[in-house]
Amino acid sequence: MNDCIFCKIAAGEIPCDEVYGDAEFLAFRDLNPQAPTHVLVIPRRHVSALTDLTEADTVMAGGLQVVAAKVAAQLGLAESGYRFVINCGDDGCQTVPHLHLHLLGGRALGWPPG
C-alpha cells in the first residue's frame, strides 16, 4: 500500500530502530513505548488487520509469533516474561492499519490491561 507507514518502514523508506529483520518480518522499537521494552513486529507483506487473515496466512501468522518470541529472547525477556498484544479495529485501539504485534516487557505488567 502506498500510504501505509509500516509498509514504508518495511521497505526502508522511513527509518526505524530495528531489532530484527528477515525477508518476511521486521521488528522495531515503538516510538511511544508503553513498557521499558516495547517492540512492534510486522509482516513485511501488507495485511490490514487480524480480521483480514485467511487460512492461506496460517504460516505467516504463526511466523509472526515465532519471530516475536525470538526477539523477546534476544532482548532478555524470556526468563522474566513478556506480553504479546495485537489490536484489531477501532474498539481494539488499532491505530495503524497494518497487522502488527506489540511485544511488551521489562517490568511487571498489570492485569487486566487498562
Protein backbone atom coordinates (compact mmCIF):
# COMPACT_ATOMS: atom_id res chain seq x y z
CA MET A 1 0.00 0.00 0.00
CA ASN A 2 1.37 3.38 -1.00
CA ASP A 3 0.24 5.29 2.10
CA CYS A 4 0.87 2.65 4.79
CA ILE A 5 3.51 3.87 7.24
CA PHE A 6 4.51 0.32 8.23
CA CYS A 7 4.91 -0.69 4.58
CA LYS A 8 7.20 2.33 4.16
CA ILE A 9 9.19 1.32 7.25
CA ALA A 10 9.44 -2.28 5.98
CA ALA A 11 10.67 -1.00 2.60
CA GLY A 12 13.34 1.17 4.25
CA GLU A 13 11.70 4.41 3.12
CA ILE A 14 11.21 5.54 6.73
CA PRO A 15 13.93 4.79 9.30
CA CYS A 16 13.26 2.75 12.43
CA ASP A 17 15.16 1.40 15.42
CA GLU A 18 15.33 -2.14 14.04
CA VAL A 19 15.91 -5.03 16.44
CA TYR A 20 15.24 -7.87 13.97
CA GLY A 21 14.66 -8.24 10.28
CA ASP A 22 14.42 -11.02 7.73
CA ALA A 23 12.75 -11.48 4.35
CA GLU A 24 9.26 -11.82 5.86
CA PHE A 25 9.23 -9.86 9.14
CA LEU A 26 10.58 -6.72 10.74
CA ALA A 27 10.77 -5.86 14.44
CA PHE A 28 11.47 -2.33 15.64
CA ARG A 29 11.14 -0.25 18.78
CA ASP A 30 7.85 1.60 19.26
CA LEU A 31 8.15 5.40 19.16
CA ASN A 32 5.66 5.70 22.04
CA PRO A 33 6.69 2.87 24.38
CA GLN A 34 4.18 1.60 26.93
CA ALA A 35 6.76 -0.53 28.79
CA PRO A 36 10.55 -0.44 29.17
CA THR A 37 10.72 -2.81 26.20
CA HIS A 38 8.09 -2.15 23.53
CA VAL A 39 8.78 -3.60 20.11
CA LEU A 40 6.47 -3.86 17.12
CA VAL A 41 6.71 -6.97 14.95
CA ILE A 42 5.19 -6.69 11.49
CA PRO A 43 4.93 -8.83 8.39
CA ARG A 44 6.65 -7.09 5.50
CA ARG A 45 3.66 -8.03 3.31
CA HIS A 46 0.71 -5.74 3.88
CA VAL A 47 -2.22 -7.20 5.78
CA SER A 48 -4.53 -4.54 7.18
CA ALA A 49 -5.72 -6.32 10.33
CA LEU A 50 -6.05 -9.63 12.11
CA THR A 51 -9.56 -9.93 10.68
CA ASP A 52 -8.12 -9.94 7.14
CA LEU A 53 -6.13 -13.14 7.68
CA THR A 54 -7.25 -16.23 5.81
CA GLU A 55 -6.25 -19.87 6.06
CA ALA A 56 -3.63 -19.12 3.43
CA ASP A 57 -1.97 -16.83 6.03
CA THR A 58 -1.58 -19.56 8.68
CA VAL A 59 2.19 -19.91 8.22
CA MET A 60 2.72 -16.15 8.22
CA ALA A 61 0.56 -15.67 11.33
CA GLY A 62 2.47 -18.38 13.17
CA GLY A 63 5.76 -16.95 11.95
CA LEU A 64 4.83 -13.56 13.39
CA GLN A 65 4.57 -15.11 16.85
CA VAL A 66 7.74 -17.18 16.44
CA VAL A 67 9.69 -14.07 15.44
CA ALA A 68 8.24 -12.13 18.38
CA ALA A 69 9.30 -14.90 20.79
CA LYS A 70 12.78 -14.90 19.22
CA VAL A 71 13.03 -11.13 19.68
CA ALA A 72 11.83 -11.44 23.30
CA ALA A 73 14.63 -13.92 23.99
CA GLN A 74 17.16 -11.75 22.14
CA LEU A 75 16.17 -8.79 24.35
CA GLY A 76 16.46 -10.80 27.58
CA LEU A 77 12.74 -11.02 28.35
CA ALA A 78 12.26 -14.79 28.14
CA GLU A 79 13.04 -15.57 31.78
CA SER A 80 11.05 -12.76 33.44
CA GLY A 81 8.16 -12.81 30.97
CA TYR A 82 6.51 -10.57 28.43
CA ARG A 83 3.21 -9.95 26.68
CA PHE A 84 2.08 -10.04 23.05
CA VAL A 85 -0.77 -7.71 22.07
CA ILE A 86 -2.49 -7.47 18.69
CA ASN A 87 -5.02 -4.65 18.47
CA CYS A 88 -7.79 -5.06 15.92
CA GLY A 89 -10.23 -2.42 14.73
CA ASP A 90 -11.28 0.87 16.26
CA ASP A 91 -12.62 -0.56 19.52
CA GLY A 92 -9.46 -2.65 19.83
CA CYS A 93 -7.36 0.54 19.52
CA GLN A 94 -5.67 -0.37 16.24
CA THR A 95 -4.19 2.93 15.07
CA VAL A 96 -2.12 1.72 12.11
CA PRO A 97 -3.97 -0.37 9.51
CA HIS A 98 -1.15 -2.90 9.06
CA LEU A 99 -1.11 -6.09 11.13
CA HIS A 100 1.40 -5.72 13.95
CA LEU A 101 2.19 -7.43 17.20
CA HIS A 102 3.25 -5.42 20.26
CA LEU A 103 5.95 -7.12 22.35
CA LEU A 104 5.87 -5.60 25.85
CA GLY A 105 8.16 -6.39 28.75
CA GLY A 106 10.86 -5.20 31.07
CA ARG A 107 8.53 -4.73 34.06
CA ALA A 108 5.61 -6.47 35.74
CA LEU A 109 2.55 -5.95 33.54
CA GLY A 110 -0.80 -5.50 35.26
CA TRP A 111 -3.98 -7.45 34.57
CA PRO A 112 -6.44 -6.64 33.31
CA PRO A 113 -4.75 -4.25 30.91
CA GLY A 114 -6.00 -0.65 31.03
